């Protein structure tokens, strides 16, 4: 283990910002990080399924990234990809083939380079990945964390030409909640998306889906008012599904999970962003973006 840690320190030089804004996130290039950690995991740790997540949580603990409002403007999206593409062949390919991407792919990778593997793979017939149970990354929370563009289910079709990676925030969020409440790691986006297919529109999942799924899995669901007091009180009973509009999390609409409160701020499992999921969010930063809240509990 000492040998592994030494190698990791050589691969990932630490850096830190001199100032911290109200909303912050640990800063790393996850596209490169995940590939490097996967190599080390395979070589030294015998394919331990949790090794990548555990090592990531150690490596990145003192680095930060500032949140930003998401954009859907082609010029800004392409500029961001170009800025991040140095030394990353997949992002370089995405930049060179930007006009071939779907609108959803442009918005996803153009706001967050962490998603470059998923977008690149989607256009290069790389969608055959081994499946295993368990969360995408261990954030050490009550609610397990699943990314909708996790390779294990990202390419599964959900509606028309859209897959879970692009349109699966609803079922991915519900799978996180149900996996937590029922203590069952076999409940994942791949499973829950099968139910969601009958509740999808071009604009996303019908809100009635959450009631349908709660009834199917014998858990309770309750609407919550958008006040800091009500949200914090509800979190004492269970996780909260949250629908948001344009802002830090989406250019249109998006579904996520509020896991808990830490130091008077909310921990949110964003199924579309590792970075956003590591931010500790003050209520004042997100209150105007909240559209709907559901408490899910036993």
C-alpha atoms as a PDB file:
ATOM      1  CA  UNK A   1       0.000   0.000   0.000  1.00  0.00           C
ATOM      2  CA  UNK A   2       2.859   2.419   0.750  1.00  0.00           C
ATOM      3  CA  UNK A   3       4.178   1.789  -2.754  1.00  0.00           C
ATOM      4  CA  UNK A   4       0.748   2.656  -4.228  1.00  0.00           C
ATOM      5  CA  UNK A   5       0.455   5.899  -2.266  1.00  0.00           C
ATOM      6  CA  UNK A   6       3.962   6.955  -3.316  1.00  0.00           C
ATOM      7  CA  UNK A   7       3.130   6.327  -6.973  1.00  0.00           C
ATOM      8  CA  UNK A   8      -0.120   8.281  -6.652  1.00  0.00           C
ATOM      9  CA  UNK A   9       1.648  11.272  -5.151  1.00  0.00           C
ATOM     10  CA  UNK A  10       4.068  11.283  -8.066  1.00  0.00           C
ATOM     11  CA  UNK A  11       1.226  11.121 -10.593  1.00  0.00           C
ATOM     12  CA  UNK A  12      -1.052  13.739  -9.025  1.00  0.00           C
ATOM     13  CA  UNK A  13       0.788  16.935  -7.987  1.00  0.00           C
ATOM     14  CA  UNK A  14      -1.223  18.913  -5.447  1.00  0.00           C
ATOM     15  CA  UNK A  15      -2.362  22.473  -6.033  1.00  0.00           C
ATOM     16  CA  UNK A  16      -4.632  24.844  -4.129  1.00  0.00           C
ATOM     17  CA  UNK A  17      -6.352  28.158  -4.757  1.00  0.00           C
ATOM     18  CA  UNK A  18      -5.376  31.149  -2.657  1.00  0.00           C
ATOM     19  CA  UNK A  19      -8.981  32.159  -1.997  1.00  0.00           C
ATOM     20  CA  UNK A  20     -12.239  30.275  -1.490  1.00  0.00           C
ATOM     21  CA  UNK A  21     -15.619  31.432  -2.768  1.00  0.00           C
ATOM     22  CA  UNK A  22     -18.918  30.658  -1.041  1.00  0.00           C
ATOM     23  CA  UNK A  23     -19.383  27.533  -3.178  1.00  0.00           C
ATOM     24  CA  UNK A  24     -16.302  25.396  -3.724  1.00  0.00           C
ATOM     25  CA  UNK A  25     -15.323  22.008  -5.063  1.00  0.00           C
ATOM     26  CA  UNK A  26     -12.222  19.869  -5.021  1.00  0.00           C
ATOM     27  CA  UNK A  27     -10.345  20.301  -8.262  1.00  0.00           C
ATOM     28  CA  UNK A  28      -9.018  17.488 -10.419  1.00  0.00           C
ATOM     29  CA  UNK A  29      -9.063  16.360 -13.998  1.00  0.00           C
ATOM     30  CA  UNK A  30     -11.185  13.265 -13.416  1.00  0.00           C
ATOM     31  CA  UNK A  31     -10.897  12.076 -17.008  1.00  0.00           C
ATOM     32  CA  UNK A  32      -7.152  11.632 -16.613  1.00  0.00           C
ATOM     33  CA  UNK A  33      -7.338  10.747 -12.928  1.00  0.00           C
ATOM     34  CA  UNK A  34      -9.745   7.863 -13.402  1.00  0.00           C
ATOM     35  CA  UNK A  35      -7.656   6.366 -16.195  1.00  0.00           C
ATOM     36  CA  UNK A  36      -4.439   6.590 -14.167  1.00  0.00           C
ATOM     37  CA  UNK A  37      -6.040   5.187 -11.038  1.00  0.00           C
ATOM     38  CA  UNK A  38      -7.602   2.372 -13.045  1.00  0.00           C
ATOM     39  CA  UNK A  39      -4.156   1.414 -14.352  1.00  0.00           C
ATOM     40  CA  UNK A  40      -2.689   1.363 -10.848  1.00  0.00           C
ATOM     41  CA  UNK A  41      -5.690  -0.531  -9.509  1.00  0.00           C
ATOM     42  CA  UNK A  42      -5.354  -3.258 -12.132  1.00  0.00           C
ATOM     43  CA  UNK A  43      -1.622  -3.543 -11.719  1.00  0.00           C
ATOM     44  CA  UNK A  44      -1.290  -3.469  -7.952  1.00  0.00           C
ATOM     45  CA  UNK A  45      -4.652  -4.130  -6.277  1.00  0.00           C
ATOM     46  CA  UNK A  46      -6.098  -7.083  -8.146  1.00  0.00           C
ATOM     47  CA  UNK A  47      -9.118  -5.280  -9.609  1.00  0.00           C
ATOM     48  CA  UNK A  48     -10.571  -4.328  -6.206  1.00  0.00           C
ATOM     49  CA  UNK A  49     -13.880  -2.721  -7.250  1.00  0.00           C
ATOM     50  CA  UNK A  50     -13.749  -0.087  -4.517  1.00  0.00           C
ATOM     51  CA  UNK A  51     -10.071   0.791  -4.828  1.00  0.00           C
ATOM     52  CA  UNK A  52     -10.529   3.600  -7.367  1.00  0.00           C
ATOM     53  CA  UNK A  53     -13.168   5.365  -5.317  1.00  0.00           C
ATOM     54  CA  UNK A  54     -11.267   5.000  -2.059  1.00  0.00           C
ATOM     55  CA  UNK A  55      -8.019   6.336  -3.544  1.00  0.00           C
ATOM     56  CA  UNK A  56      -9.780   9.256  -5.200  1.00  0.00           C
ATOM     57  CA  UNK A  57     -11.251  10.348  -1.889  1.00  0.00           C
ATOM     58  CA  UNK A  58      -7.735  10.491  -0.406  1.00  0.00           C
ATOM     59  CA  UNK A  59      -5.981  12.150  -3.334  1.00  0.00           C
ATOM     60  CA  UNK A  60      -8.310  15.082  -3.852  1.00  0.00           C
ATOM     61  CA  UNK A  61      -9.198  16.131  -0.316  1.00  0.00           C
ATOM     62  CA  UNK A  62      -7.368  19.486  -0.249  1.00  0.00           C
ATOM     63  CA  UNK A  63      -8.122  20.827  -3.742  1.00  0.00           C
ATOM     64  CA  UNK A  64     -10.989  23.083  -4.816  1.00  0.00           C
ATOM     65  CA  UNK A  65     -12.940  24.111  -7.883  1.00  0.00           C
ATOM     66  CA  UNK A  66     -15.384  27.008  -8.092  1.00  0.00           C
ATOM     67  CA  UNK A  67     -18.947  26.358  -9.283  1.00  0.00           C
ATOM     68  CA  UNK A  68     -20.204  28.117 -12.407  1.00  0.00           C
ATOM     69  CA  UNK A  69     -23.512  28.755 -14.168  1.00  0.00           C
ATOM     70  CA  UNK A  70     -23.979  26.297 -17.041  1.00  0.00           C
ATOM     71  CA  UNK A  71     -24.240  27.492 -20.621  1.00  0.00           C
ATOM     72  CA  UNK A  72     -25.731  26.094 -23.842  1.00  0.00           C
ATOM     73  CA  UNK A  73     -24.011  28.539 -26.219  1.00  0.00           C
ATOM     74  CA  UNK A  74     -21.944  26.687 -28.837  1.00  0.00           C
ATOM     75  CA  UNK A  75     -19.170  29.286 -28.808  1.00  0.00           C
ATOM     76  CA  UNK A  76     -18.673  29.020 -25.047  1.00  0.00           C
ATOM     77  CA  UNK A  77     -18.994  25.225 -25.019  1.00  0.00           C
ATOM     78  CA  UNK A  78     -16.412  24.783 -27.749  1.00  0.00           C
ATOM     79  CA  UNK A  79     -14.065  27.302 -26.135  1.00  0.00           C
ATOM     80  CA  UNK A  80     -14.172  25.378 -22.845  1.00  0.00           C
ATOM     81  CA  UNK A  81     -13.406  22.080 -24.606  1.00  0.00           C
ATOM     82  CA  UNK A  82     -10.478  23.650 -26.445  1.00  0.00           C
ATOM     83  CA  UNK A  83      -9.132  25.094 -23.185  1.00  0.00           C
ATOM     84  CA  UNK A  84      -9.239  21.688 -21.494  1.00  0.00           C
ATOM     85  CA  UNK A  85      -8.076  19.553 -24.445  1.00  0.00           C
ATOM     86  CA  UNK A  86      -4.310  20.013 -24.054  1.00  0.00           C
ATOM     87  CA  UNK A  87      -2.801  16.574 -23.484  1.00  0.00           C
ATOM     88  CA  UNK A  88      -6.193  14.843 -23.667  1.00  0.00           C
ATOM     89  CA  UNK A  89      -6.679  13.022 -26.973  1.00  0.00           C
ATOM     90  CA  UNK A  90     -10.355  12.314 -26.331  1.00  0.00           C
ATOM     91  CA  UNK A  91     -11.173  15.957 -25.681  1.00  0.00           C
ATOM     92  CA  UNK A  92      -9.121  16.889 -28.746  1.00  0.00           C
ATOM     93  CA  UNK A  93     -11.242  14.491 -30.815  1.00  0.00           C
ATOM     94  CA  UNK A  94     -14.410  15.987 -29.330  1.00  0.00           C
ATOM     95  CA  UNK A  95     -13.227  19.503 -30.175  1.00  0.00           C
ATOM     96  CA  UNK A  96     -12.367  18.501 -33.756  1.00  0.00           C
ATOM     97  CA  UNK A  97     -15.747  16.771 -34.178  1.00  0.00           C
ATOM     98  CA  UNK A  98     -17.851  19.203 -32.159  1.00  0.00           C
ATOM     99  CA  UNK A  99     -20.472  19.641 -34.897  1.00  0.00           C
ATOM    100  CA  UNK A 100     -21.137  15.891 -34.908  1.00  0.00           C
ATOM    101  CA  UNK A 101     -22.233  15.881 -31.279  1.00  0.00           C
ATOM    102  CA  UNK A 102     -25.869  15.965 -30.228  1.00  0.00           C
ATOM    103  CA  UNK A 103     -27.148  19.019 -28.376  1.00  0.00           C
ATOM    104  CA  UNK A 104     -27.114  17.078 -25.094  1.00  0.00           C
ATOM    105  CA  UNK A 105     -23.542  15.898 -25.602  1.00  0.00           C
ATOM    106  CA  UNK A 106     -22.326  19.406 -26.395  1.00  0.00           C
ATOM    107  CA  UNK A 107     -23.929  20.846 -23.274  1.00  0.00           C
ATOM    108  CA  UNK A 108     -22.635  17.994 -21.100  1.00  0.00           C
ATOM    109  CA  UNK A 109     -18.959  17.931 -22.073  1.00  0.00           C
ATOM    110  CA  UNK A 110     -18.888  21.642 -22.907  1.00  0.00           C
ATOM    111  CA  UNK A 111     -19.658  22.420 -19.280  1.00  0.00           C
ATOM    112  CA  UNK A 112     -17.711  19.585 -17.675  1.00  0.00           C
ATOM    113  CA  UNK A 113     -14.704  17.852 -19.221  1.00  0.00           C
ATOM    114  CA  UNK A 114     -15.120  14.955 -16.760  1.00  0.00           C
ATOM    115  CA  UNK A 115     -17.717  13.608 -19.214  1.00  0.00           C
ATOM    116  CA  UNK A 116     -15.297  13.405 -22.155  1.00  0.00           C
ATOM    117  CA  UNK A 117     -14.844   9.620 -21.919  1.00  0.00           C
ATOM    118  CA  UNK A 118     -18.588   9.033 -22.158  1.00  0.00           C
ATOM    119  CA  UNK A 119     -19.060  11.403 -25.117  1.00  0.00           C
ATOM    120  CA  UNK A 120     -15.995  10.071 -26.929  1.00  0.00           C
ATOM    121  CA  UNK A 121     -17.029   6.454 -26.359  1.00  0.00           C
ATOM    122  CA  UNK A 122     -20.546   7.151 -27.650  1.00  0.00           C
ATOM    123  CA  UNK A 123     -19.146   8.167 -31.040  1.00  0.00           C
ATOM    124  CA  UNK A 124     -16.448   5.516 -31.293  1.00  0.00           C
ATOM    125  CA  UNK A 125     -18.387   2.309 -30.598  1.00  0.00           C
ATOM    126  CA  UNK A 126     -16.886   1.852 -27.140  1.00  0.00           C
ATOM    127  CA  UNK A 127     -19.856   0.816 -25.038  1.00  0.00           C
ATOM    128  CA  UNK A 128     -19.102  -2.736 -23.939  1.00  0.00           C
ATOM    129  CA  UNK A 129     -18.031  -2.515 -20.299  1.00  0.00           C
ATOM    130  CA  UNK A 130     -18.057  -5.057 -17.496  1.00  0.00           C
ATOM    131  CA  UNK A 131     -20.888  -4.638 -15.027  1.00  0.00           C
ATOM    132  CA  UNK A 132     -20.533  -4.794 -11.250  1.00  0.00           C
ATOM    133  CA  UNK A 133     -22.689  -3.657  -8.361  1.00  0.00           C
ATOM    134  CA  UNK A 134     -21.799  -0.634  -6.262  1.00  0.00           C
ATOM    135  CA  UNK A 135     -21.618   3.136  -6.453  1.00  0.00           C
ATOM    136  CA  UNK A 136     -19.649   5.125  -9.016  1.00  0.00           C
ATOM    137  CA  UNK A 137     -17.472   6.927  -6.463  1.00  0.00           C
ATOM    138  CA  UNK A 138     -17.560   6.656  -2.694  1.00  0.00           C
ATOM    139  CA  UNK A 139     -18.375  10.123  -1.353  1.00  0.00           C
ATOM    140  CA  UNK A 140     -18.775   8.724   2.176  1.00  0.00           C
ATOM    141  CA  UNK A 141     -22.422   9.738   2.470  1.00  0.00           C
ATOM    142  CA  UNK A 142     -25.649   8.098   3.559  1.00  0.00           C
ATOM    143  CA  UNK A 143     -26.821   8.102  -0.061  1.00  0.00           C
ATOM    144  CA  UNK A 144     -24.686   6.107  -2.539  1.00  0.00           C
ATOM    145  CA  UNK A 145     -23.471   8.130  -5.510  1.00  0.00           C
ATOM    146  CA  UNK A 146     -24.274   7.093  -9.078  1.00  0.00           C
ATOM    147  CA  UNK A 147     -23.325   9.003 -12.217  1.00  0.00           C
ATOM    148  CA  UNK A 148     -25.798   8.740 -15.063  1.00  0.00           C
ATOM    149  CA  UNK A 149     -22.843   8.564 -17.472  1.00  0.00           C
ATOM    150  CA  UNK A 150     -21.124   5.751 -15.593  1.00  0.00           C
ATOM    151  CA  UNK A 151     -19.939   3.309 -18.291  1.00  0.00           C
ATOM    152  CA  UNK A 152     -21.911   0.451 -16.732  1.00  0.00           C
ATOM    153  CA  UNK A 153     -25.274   1.889 -17.886  1.00  0.00           C
ATOM    154  CA  UNK A 154     -24.624   5.201 -19.671  1.00  0.00           C
ATOM    155  CA  UNK A 155     -25.206   3.786 -23.174  1.00  0.00           C
ATOM    156  CA  UNK A 156     -28.510   2.026 -22.382  1.00  0.00           C
ATOM    157  CA  UNK A 157     -31.338   3.570 -24.427  1.00  0.00           C
ATOM    158  CA  UNK A 158     -33.943   5.511 -22.456  1.00  0.00           C
ATOM    159  CA  UNK A 159     -36.104   7.478 -24.901  1.00  0.00           C
ATOM    160  CA  UNK A 160     -35.768   7.837 -28.691  1.00  0.00           C
ATOM    161  CA  UNK A 161     -32.053   8.398 -29.380  1.00  0.00           C
ATOM    162  CA  UNK A 162     -31.213   9.493 -25.826  1.00  0.00           C
ATOM    163  CA  UNK A 163     -29.526   7.155 -23.363  1.00  0.00           C
ATOM    164  CA  UNK A 164     -29.177   7.159 -19.586  1.00  0.00           C
ATOM    165  CA  UNK A 165     -25.959   9.164 -19.870  1.00  0.00           C
ATOM    166  CA  UNK A 166     -27.820  12.084 -21.448  1.00  0.00           C
ATOM    167  CA  UNK A 167     -31.419  11.809 -20.191  1.00  0.00           C
ATOM    168  CA  UNK A 168     -31.204   9.602 -17.111  1.00  0.00           C
ATOM    169  CA  UNK A 169     -30.970  12.060 -14.230  1.00  0.00           C
ATOM    170  CA  UNK A 170     -34.430  11.073 -12.926  1.00  0.00           C
ATOM    171  CA  UNK A 171     -33.970   7.295 -12.722  1.00  0.00           C
ATOM    172  CA  UNK A 172     -30.364   7.715 -11.587  1.00  0.00           C
ATOM    173  CA  UNK A 173     -31.440   9.946  -8.713  1.00  0.00           C
ATOM    174  CA  UNK A 174     -34.261   7.585  -7.743  1.00  0.00           C
ATOM    175  CA  UNK A 175     -31.855   4.640  -7.777  1.00  0.00           C
ATOM    176  CA  UNK A 176     -29.562   6.462  -5.333  1.00  0.00           C
ATOM    177  CA  UNK A 177     -32.469   7.091  -2.968  1.00  0.00           C
ATOM    178  CA  UNK A 178     -33.886   3.555  -3.140  1.00  0.00           C
ATOM    179  CA  UNK A 179     -30.465   1.959  -2.796  1.00  0.00           C
ATOM    180  CA  UNK A 180     -29.957   3.940   0.398  1.00  0.00           C
ATOM    181  CA  UNK A 181     -33.385   3.364   1.939  1.00  0.00           C
ATOM    182  CA  UNK A 182     -33.477  -0.359   1.150  1.00  0.00           C
ATOM    183  CA  UNK A 183     -29.753  -0.897   1.732  1.00  0.00           C
ATOM    184  CA  UNK A 184     -29.478  -2.683  -1.604  1.00  0.00           C
ATOM    185  CA  UNK A 185     -26.560  -1.979  -3.950  1.00  0.00           C
ATOM    186  CA  UNK A 186     -28.252  -3.990  -6.684  1.00  0.00           C
ATOM    187  CA  UNK A 187     -30.689  -1.101  -7.121  1.00  0.00           C
ATOM    188  CA  UNK A 188     -28.903   1.040  -9.706  1.00  0.00           C
ATOM    189  CA  UNK A 189     -29.715   3.258 -12.720  1.00  0.00           C
ATOM    190  CA  UNK A 190     -29.685   0.279 -15.065  1.00  0.00           C
ATOM    191  CA  UNK A 191     -32.509  -1.315 -13.070  1.00  0.00           C
ATOM    192  CA  UNK A 192     -34.601   1.794 -12.352  1.00  0.00           C
ATOM    193  CA  UNK A 193     -34.316   3.099 -15.932  1.00  0.00           C
ATOM    194  CA  UNK A 194     -36.401   0.114 -17.087  1.00  0.00           C
ATOM    195  CA  UNK A 195     -39.347   1.548 -15.159  1.00  0.00           C
ATOM    196  CA  UNK A 196     -38.575   5.121 -16.211  1.00  0.00           C
ATOM    197  CA  UNK A 197     -38.912   4.319 -19.922  1.00  0.00           C
ATOM    198  CA  UNK A 198     -42.700   4.418 -19.522  1.00  0.00           C
ATOM    199  CA  UNK A 199     -42.554   7.832 -17.829  1.00  0.00           C
ATOM    200  CA  UNK A 200     -40.247   9.739 -20.172  1.00  0.00           C
ATOM    201  CA  UNK A 201     -40.842  12.720 -22.442  1.00  0.00           C
ATOM    202  CA  UNK A 202     -38.459  14.608 -24.681  1.00  0.00           C
ATOM    203  CA  UNK A 203     -38.083  17.128 -21.853  1.00  0.00           C
ATOM    204  CA  UNK A 204     -37.259  14.532 -19.201  1.00  0.00           C
ATOM    205  CA  UNK A 205     -39.088  12.274 -16.756  1.00  0.00           C
ATOM    206  CA  UNK A 206     -42.664  12.884 -15.594  1.00  0.00           C
ATOM    207  CA  UNK A 207     -42.769  13.836 -11.934  1.00  0.00           C
ATOM    208  CA  UNK A 208     -45.346  11.081 -11.433  1.00  0.00           C
ATOM    209  CA  UNK A 209     -42.515   8.594 -11.948  1.00  0.00           C
ATOM    210  CA  UNK A 210     -41.220   9.230  -8.434  1.00  0.00           C
ATOM    211  CA  UNK A 211     -44.588   8.399  -6.893  1.00  0.00           C
ATOM    212  CA  UNK A 212     -44.859   5.295  -9.089  1.00  0.00           C
ATOM    213  CA  UNK A 213     -41.435   4.058  -8.053  1.00  0.00           C
ATOM    214  CA  UNK A 214     -41.987   4.858  -4.374  1.00  0.00           C
ATOM    215  CA  UNK A 215     -45.164   2.784  -4.454  1.00  0.00           C
ATOM    216  CA  UNK A 216     -43.433  -0.089  -6.248  1.00  0.00           C
ATOM    217  CA  UNK A 217     -40.633  -0.262  -3.676  1.00  0.00           C
ATOM    218  CA  UNK A 218     -42.953   0.325  -0.704  1.00  0.00           C
ATOM    219  CA  UNK A 219     -41.423   3.601   0.504  1.00  0.00           C
ATOM    220  CA  UNK A 220     -43.176   6.863   1.339  1.00  0.00           C
ATOM    221  CA  UNK A 221     -43.036  10.099  -0.640  1.00  0.00           C
ATOM    222  CA  UNK A 222     -44.016  13.604   0.450  1.00  0.00           C
ATOM    223  CA  UNK A 223     -43.838  17.075  -1.121  1.00  0.00           C
ATOM    224  CA  UNK A 224     -41.546  19.533   0.704  1.00  0.00           C
ATOM    225  CA  UNK A 225     -41.778  23.322   0.701  1.00  0.00           C
ATOM    226  CA  UNK A 226     -38.815  25.254  -0.680  1.00  0.00           C
ATOM    227  CA  UNK A 227     -37.578  26.754   2.564  1.00  0.00           C
ATOM    228  CA  UNK A 228     -34.283  26.108   4.305  1.00  0.00           C
ATOM    229  CA  UNK A 229     -36.083  25.126   7.500  1.00  0.00           C
ATOM    230  CA  UNK A 230     -38.413  22.619   5.815  1.00  0.00           C
ATOM    231  CA  UNK A 231     -35.609  20.999   3.814  1.00  0.00           C
ATOM    232  CA  UNK A 232     -33.372  20.566   6.848  1.00  0.00           C
ATOM    233  CA  UNK A 233     -36.248  19.169   8.899  1.00  0.00           C
ATOM    234  CA  UNK A 234     -37.154  16.697   6.137  1.00  0.00           C
ATOM    235  CA  UNK A 235     -33.586  15.444   5.816  1.00  0.00           C
ATOM    236  CA  UNK A 236     -33.863  14.064   9.335  1.00  0.00           C
ATOM    237  CA  UNK A 237     -36.262  11.465   7.923  1.00  0.00           C
ATOM    238  CA  UNK A 238     -34.595  10.638   4.610  1.00  0.00           C
ATOM    239  CA  UNK A 239     -33.092  11.875   1.334  1.00  0.00           C
ATOM    240  CA  UNK A 240     -34.817  14.441  -0.891  1.00  0.00           C
ATOM    241  CA  UNK A 241     -35.327  14.304  -4.652  1.00  0.00           C
ATOM    242  CA  UNK A 242     -34.906  17.823  -6.041  1.00  0.00           C
ATOM    243  CA  UNK A 243     -35.884  19.255  -9.421  1.00  0.00           C
ATOM    244  CA  UNK A 244     -33.982  22.360 -10.545  1.00  0.00           C
ATOM    245  CA  UNK A 245     -34.007  24.800 -13.454  1.00  0.00           C
ATOM    246  CA  UNK A 246     -31.180  26.642 -15.236  1.00  0.00           C
ATOM    247  CA  UNK A 247     -28.243  27.515 -13.035  1.00  0.00           C
ATOM    248  CA  UNK A 248     -25.292  25.655 -11.541  1.00  0.00           C
ATOM    249  CA  UNK A 249     -26.680  22.223 -12.407  1.00  0.00           C
ATOM    250  CA  UNK A 250     -28.395  22.446 -15.799  1.00  0.00           C
ATOM    251  CA  UNK A 251     -29.245  24.626 -18.788  1.00  0.00           C
ATOM    252  CA  UNK A 252     -32.855  23.431 -18.706  1.00  0.00           C
ATOM    253  CA  UNK A 253     -34.210  21.010 -16.094  1.00  0.00           C
ATOM    254  CA  UNK A 254     -32.468  18.469 -13.897  1.00  0.00           C
ATOM    255  CA  UNK A 255     -33.129  15.968 -11.088  1.00  0.00           C
ATOM    256  CA  UNK A 256     -30.732  15.360  -8.170  1.00  0.00           C
ATOM    257  CA  UNK A 257     -30.646  14.120  -4.558  1.00  0.00           C
ATOM    258  CA  UNK A 258     -30.073  16.121  -1.393  1.00  0.00           C
ATOM    259  CA  UNK A 259     -28.260  13.708   0.907  1.00  0.00           C
ATOM    260  CA  UNK A 260     -27.792  15.621   4.154  1.00  0.00           C
ATOM    261  CA  UNK A 261     -26.630  18.802   5.884  1.00  0.00           C
ATOM    262  CA  UNK A 262     -23.011  19.501   6.771  1.00  0.00           C
ATOM    263  CA  UNK A 263     -21.874  22.694   8.527  1.00  0.00           C
ATOM    264  CA  UNK A 264     -25.241  24.269   7.703  1.00  0.00           C
ATOM    265  CA  UNK A 265     -24.804  23.516   3.972  1.00  0.00           C
ATOM    266  CA  UNK A 266     -26.402  20.880   1.753  1.00  0.00           C
ATOM    267  CA  UNK A 267     -24.598  17.859   0.324  1.00  0.00           C
ATOM    268  CA  UNK A 268     -26.096  17.110  -3.082  1.00  0.00           C
ATOM    269  CA  UNK A 269     -25.607  13.981  -5.170  1.00  0.00           C
ATOM    270  CA  UNK A 270     -25.707  15.391  -8.704  1.00  0.00           C
ATOM    271  CA  UNK A 271     -26.006  12.394 -11.087  1.00  0.00           C
ATOM    272  CA  UNK A 272     -24.528  14.501 -13.879  1.00  0.00           C
ATOM    273  CA  UNK A 273     -21.476  15.947 -12.120  1.00  0.00           C
ATOM    274  CA  UNK A 274     -18.743  14.735  -9.807  1.00  0.00           C
ATOM    275  CA  UNK A 275     -17.624  18.318  -9.227  1.00  0.00           C
ATOM    276  CA  UNK A 276     -21.048  19.608  -8.207  1.00  0.00           C
ATOM    277  CA  UNK A 277     -21.498  16.630  -5.919  1.00  0.00           C
ATOM    278  CA  UNK A 278     -18.426  17.588  -3.941  1.00  0.00           C
ATOM    279  CA  UNK A 279     -19.599  21.120  -3.262  1.00  0.00           C
ATOM    280  CA  UNK A 280     -21.150  21.990   0.085  1.00  0.00           C
ATOM    281  CA  UNK A 281     -24.069  24.166  -1.043  1.00  0.00           C
ATOM    282  CA  UNK A 282     -25.482  27.071   1.015  1.00  0.00           C
ATOM    283  CA  UNK A 283     -29.262  27.265   0.632  1.00  0.00           C
ATOM    284  CA  UNK A 284     -28.969  30.844  -0.625  1.00  0.00           C
ATOM    285  CA  UNK A 285     -26.913  29.654  -3.615  1.00  0.00           C
ATOM    286  CA  UNK A 286     -29.586  27.273  -4.897  1.00  0.00           C
ATOM    287  CA  UNK A 287     -32.960  28.437  -3.546  1.00  0.00           C
ATOM    288  CA  UNK A 288     -33.973  30.316  -6.720  1.00  0.00           C
ATOM    289  CA  UNK A 289     -33.098  27.302  -8.894  1.00  0.00           C
ATOM    290  CA  UNK A 290     -35.295  24.852  -6.965  1.00  0.00           C
ATOM    291  CA  UNK A 291     -38.538  23.902  -8.739  1.00  0.00           C
ATOM    292  CA  UNK A 292     -39.812  20.917  -6.719  1.00  0.00           C
ATOM    293  CA  UNK A 293     -38.798  18.801  -3.698  1.00  0.00           C
ATOM    294  CA  UNK A 294     -39.885  15.298  -2.619  1.00  0.00           C
ATOM    295  CA  UNK A 295     -38.906  13.630   0.659  1.00  0.00           C
ATOM    296  CA  UNK A 296     -38.507   9.857   0.197  1.00  0.00           C
ATOM    297  CA  UNK A 297     -38.507   7.848   3.421  1.00  0.00           C
ATOM    298  CA  UNK A 298     -39.493   4.525   5.030  1.00  0.00           C
END
